[in-house]
Amino acid sequence: MDKIVKSDAEWREELSDLAYKVTRKHGTERSGTHDNFPKDPGTFNCVCCGAPLFDQSAKFESGTGWPSFYQPISPEAVGESVDRKFFMKRTEVHCARCEAHLGHVFPDGPQPTGLRYCMNGVAMTFEADG
């Protein structure tokens, strides 16, 4: 997959204010403020570049107010980095194609992975199968 690199001005022009703040400036949308995505079969894609990130079948209700998944659509779809903001150490998740900040991953999810990819809804779009 080819990397996508754009200037800050290009991203700002293409994205909503909130999507820009979250994906390009590592922000977080408030819990429970993003409409829940459809429950139909489909794929969650990066709002910045359209890369497929998560499959609906891996989504679960975590009770956090953010869309949560137990695994990405493929190991190559997302990247991880250490986030040391707010006096804690977390694992940040970003789009492997365009480096958009998506959210964080935590080791308290369901099986089969035991992981909880806690994503910002504004960082993704949903594409129904078919």
C-alpha atoms as a PDB file:
ATOM      1  CA  MET A   1       0.000   0.000   0.000  1.00  0.00           C
ATOM      2  CA  ASP A   2       1.434   3.356  -1.039  1.00  0.00           C
ATOM      3  CA  LYS A   3       1.908   5.929   1.711  1.00  0.00           C
ATOM      4  CA  ILE A   4      -0.097   9.137   1.468  1.00  0.00           C
ATOM      5  CA  VAL A   5       1.663  12.333   2.475  1.00  0.00           C
ATOM      6  CA  LYS A   6      -0.030  15.739   2.343  1.00  0.00           C
ATOM      7  CA  SER A   7       0.714  19.139   3.781  1.00  0.00           C
ATOM      8  CA  ASP A   8      -1.021  20.339   6.905  1.00  0.00           C
ATOM      9  CA  ALA A   9      -2.922  22.856   4.766  1.00  0.00           C
ATOM     10  CA  GLU A  10      -4.167  20.095   2.443  1.00  0.00           C
ATOM     11  CA  TRP A  11      -5.424  18.000   5.367  1.00  0.00           C
ATOM     12  CA  ARG A  12      -7.095  21.037   6.946  1.00  0.00           C
ATOM     13  CA  GLU A  13      -8.909  21.782   3.674  1.00  0.00           C
ATOM     14  CA  GLU A  14     -10.127  18.197   3.174  1.00  0.00           C
ATOM     15  CA  LEU A  15     -11.313  17.336   6.692  1.00  0.00           C
ATOM     16  CA  SER A  16     -13.950  18.670   9.065  1.00  0.00           C
ATOM     17  CA  ASP A  17     -12.569  20.678  11.987  1.00  0.00           C
ATOM     18  CA  LEU A  18     -13.058  17.777  14.401  1.00  0.00           C
ATOM     19  CA  ALA A  19     -11.664  15.142  12.010  1.00  0.00           C
ATOM     20  CA  TYR A  20      -8.611  17.346  11.456  1.00  0.00           C
ATOM     21  CA  LYS A  21      -8.097  17.884  15.196  1.00  0.00           C
ATOM     22  CA  VAL A  22      -8.368  14.157  15.937  1.00  0.00           C
ATOM     23  CA  THR A  23      -6.525  12.620  12.985  1.00  0.00           C
ATOM     24  CA  ARG A  24      -3.802  15.180  12.295  1.00  0.00           C
ATOM     25  CA  LYS A  25      -3.305  16.760  15.755  1.00  0.00           C
ATOM     26  CA  HIS A  26      -3.795  13.617  17.870  1.00  0.00           C
ATOM     27  CA  GLY A  27      -6.977  14.828  19.524  1.00  0.00           C
ATOM     28  CA  THR A  28      -9.855  12.805  20.939  1.00  0.00           C
ATOM     29  CA  GLU A  29     -13.559  13.240  20.382  1.00  0.00           C
ATOM     30  CA  ARG A  30     -15.661  13.254  23.555  1.00  0.00           C
ATOM     31  CA  SER A  31     -16.955   9.861  24.610  1.00  0.00           C
ATOM     32  CA  GLY A  32     -20.444   9.095  23.350  1.00  0.00           C
ATOM     33  CA  THR A  33     -20.578  12.050  20.959  1.00  0.00           C
ATOM     34  CA  HIS A  34     -20.146  10.166  17.685  1.00  0.00           C
ATOM     35  CA  ASP A  35     -23.187   8.464  16.232  1.00  0.00           C
ATOM     36  CA  ASN A  36     -22.871   4.719  16.485  1.00  0.00           C
ATOM     37  CA  PHE A  37     -22.010   3.098  13.197  1.00  0.00           C
ATOM     38  CA  PRO A  38     -24.465   0.768  11.436  1.00  0.00           C
ATOM     39  CA  LYS A  39     -24.484  -2.848  12.489  1.00  0.00           C
ATOM     40  CA  ASP A  40     -24.625  -4.138   8.902  1.00  0.00           C
ATOM     41  CA  PRO A  41     -21.686  -6.135   7.544  1.00  0.00           C
ATOM     42  CA  GLY A  42     -19.020  -3.808   6.212  1.00  0.00           C
ATOM     43  CA  THR A  43     -15.680  -2.104   6.635  1.00  0.00           C
ATOM     44  CA  PHE A  44     -14.533   0.890   8.665  1.00  0.00           C
ATOM     45  CA  ASN A  45     -12.141   2.991   6.571  1.00  0.00           C
ATOM     46  CA  CYS A  46      -9.762   5.835   7.372  1.00  0.00           C
ATOM     47  CA  VAL A  47     -11.537   9.192   6.980  1.00  0.00           C
ATOM     48  CA  CYS A  48      -8.322  10.722   5.629  1.00  0.00           C
ATOM     49  CA  CYS A  49      -7.252   8.259   2.942  1.00  0.00           C
ATOM     50  CA  GLY A  50      -9.982   5.608   2.668  1.00  0.00           C
ATOM     51  CA  ALA A  51      -7.733   2.706   3.694  1.00  0.00           C
ATOM     52  CA  PRO A  52      -9.647  -0.247   5.197  1.00  0.00           C
ATOM     53  CA  LEU A  53      -8.996  -0.442   8.950  1.00  0.00           C
ATOM     54  CA  PHE A  54     -11.524  -2.643  10.762  1.00  0.00           C
ATOM     55  CA  ASP A  55     -14.204  -5.167   9.822  1.00  0.00           C
ATOM     56  CA  GLN A  56     -17.664  -4.932  11.382  1.00  0.00           C
ATOM     57  CA  SER A  57     -17.301  -8.528  12.616  1.00  0.00           C
ATOM     58  CA  ALA A  58     -14.494  -7.417  14.988  1.00  0.00           C
ATOM     59  CA  LYS A  59     -16.556  -4.585  16.549  1.00  0.00           C
ATOM     60  CA  PHE A  60     -17.888  -4.991  20.084  1.00  0.00           C
ATOM     61  CA  GLU A  61     -19.643  -2.866  22.684  1.00  0.00           C
ATOM     62  CA  SER A  62     -16.997  -1.853  25.196  1.00  0.00           C
ATOM     63  CA  GLY A  63     -19.133   0.522  27.244  1.00  0.00           C
ATOM     64  CA  THR A  64     -16.561   3.304  26.767  1.00  0.00           C
ATOM     65  CA  GLY A  65     -18.576   5.469  24.363  1.00  0.00           C
ATOM     66  CA  TRP A  66     -16.054   5.009  21.536  1.00  0.00           C
ATOM     67  CA  PRO A  67     -16.192   2.414  18.748  1.00  0.00           C
ATOM     68  CA  SER A  68     -14.148  -0.595  19.848  1.00  0.00           C
ATOM     69  CA  PHE A  69     -12.698  -3.533  17.926  1.00  0.00           C
ATOM     70  CA  TYR A  70     -10.688  -6.572  18.999  1.00  0.00           C
ATOM     71  CA  GLN A  71      -8.467  -6.567  15.901  1.00  0.00           C
ATOM     72  CA  PRO A  72      -7.711  -4.549  12.753  1.00  0.00           C
ATOM     73  CA  ILE A  73      -8.719  -5.817   9.318  1.00  0.00           C
ATOM     74  CA  SER A  74      -5.084  -6.888   8.817  1.00  0.00           C
ATOM     75  CA  PRO A  75      -1.877  -6.433  10.822  1.00  0.00           C
ATOM     76  CA  GLU A  76      -0.573  -4.091   8.092  1.00  0.00           C
ATOM     77  CA  ALA A  77      -3.618  -1.765   8.255  1.00  0.00           C
ATOM     78  CA  VAL A  78      -2.573   0.076  11.394  1.00  0.00           C
ATOM     79  CA  GLY A  79       0.637   1.136  13.077  1.00  0.00           C
ATOM     80  CA  GLU A  80       1.382   1.741  16.729  1.00  0.00           C
ATOM     81  CA  SER A  81       3.519   4.175  18.670  1.00  0.00           C
ATOM     82  CA  VAL A  82       4.064   5.087  22.307  1.00  0.00           C
ATOM     83  CA  ASP A  83       1.917   7.972  23.582  1.00  0.00           C
ATOM     84  CA  ARG A  84       3.198   9.589  26.793  1.00  0.00           C
ATOM     85  CA  LYS A  85       0.712  12.467  26.998  1.00  0.00           C
ATOM     86  CA  PHE A  86      -1.270  13.168  30.168  1.00  0.00           C
ATOM     87  CA  PHE A  87       1.353  11.591  32.458  1.00  0.00           C
ATOM     88  CA  MET A  88       0.620   8.047  31.308  1.00  0.00           C
ATOM     89  CA  LYS A  89       1.986   5.572  28.795  1.00  0.00           C
ATOM     90  CA  ARG A  90      -0.470   4.336  26.182  1.00  0.00           C
ATOM     91  CA  THR A  91      -0.210   2.678  22.780  1.00  0.00           C
ATOM     92  CA  GLU A  92      -1.435   5.009  20.043  1.00  0.00           C
ATOM     93  CA  VAL A  93      -2.956   3.513  16.891  1.00  0.00           C
ATOM     94  CA  HIS A  94      -2.611   5.228  13.526  1.00  0.00           C
ATOM     95  CA  CYS A  95      -3.470   4.476   9.903  1.00  0.00           C
ATOM     96  CA  ALA A  96      -0.496   2.749   8.290  1.00  0.00           C
ATOM     97  CA  ARG A  97      -1.172   4.474   4.962  1.00  0.00           C
ATOM     98  CA  CYS A  98      -1.471   8.151   5.977  1.00  0.00           C
ATOM     99  CA  GLU A  99      -0.443   8.215   9.670  1.00  0.00           C
ATOM    100  CA  ALA A 100      -3.870   9.507  10.794  1.00  0.00           C
ATOM    101  CA  HIS A 101      -4.321   9.220  14.571  1.00  0.00           C
ATOM    102  CA  LEU A 102      -7.200   6.779  15.177  1.00  0.00           C
ATOM    103  CA  GLY A 103      -7.169   6.133  18.923  1.00  0.00           C
ATOM    104  CA  HIS A 104      -5.432   3.752  21.329  1.00  0.00           C
ATOM    105  CA  VAL A 105      -5.216   0.014  21.947  1.00  0.00           C
ATOM    106  CA  PHE A 106      -5.542  -1.503  25.411  1.00  0.00           C
ATOM    107  CA  PRO A 107      -5.002  -5.077  26.715  1.00  0.00           C
ATOM    108  CA  ASP A 108      -8.505  -5.415  28.194  1.00  0.00           C
ATOM    109  CA  GLY A 109     -10.570  -6.548  25.203  1.00  0.00           C
ATOM    110  CA  PRO A 110     -12.451  -9.753  24.464  1.00  0.00           C
ATOM    111  CA  GLN A 111     -11.084 -12.940  23.002  1.00  0.00           C
ATOM    112  CA  PRO A 112      -9.752 -14.027  20.617  1.00  0.00           C
ATOM    113  CA  THR A 113      -7.110 -11.268  20.919  1.00  0.00           C
ATOM    114  CA  GLY A 114      -7.716  -9.774  24.373  1.00  0.00           C
ATOM    115  CA  LEU A 115      -7.225  -6.329  22.805  1.00  0.00           C
ATOM    116  CA  ARG A 116      -9.498  -3.278  22.705  1.00  0.00           C
ATOM    117  CA  TYR A 117      -8.837  -0.928  19.823  1.00  0.00           C
ATOM    118  CA  CYS A 118     -10.637   2.136  21.169  1.00  0.00           C
ATOM    119  CA  MET A 119     -11.105   4.346  18.099  1.00  0.00           C
ATOM    120  CA  ASN A 120     -12.402   7.834  17.467  1.00  0.00           C
ATOM    121  CA  GLY A 121     -15.538   7.507  15.357  1.00  0.00           C
ATOM    122  CA  VAL A 122     -14.752  10.734  13.500  1.00  0.00           C
ATOM    123  CA  ALA A 123     -11.508   9.129  12.254  1.00  0.00           C
ATOM    124  CA  MET A 124     -13.421   6.512  10.254  1.00  0.00           C
ATOM    125  CA  THR A 125     -16.154   6.103   7.661  1.00  0.00           C
ATOM    126  CA  PHE A 126     -18.310   3.010   7.208  1.00  0.00           C
ATOM    127  CA  GLU A 127     -18.755   1.170   3.924  1.00  0.00           C
ATOM    128  CA  ALA A 128     -21.461  -1.507   3.867  1.00  0.00           C
ATOM    129  CA  ASP A 129     -20.730  -4.787   2.068  1.00  0.00           C
ATOM    130  CA  GLY A 130     -22.319  -5.390  -1.257  1.00  0.00           C
END
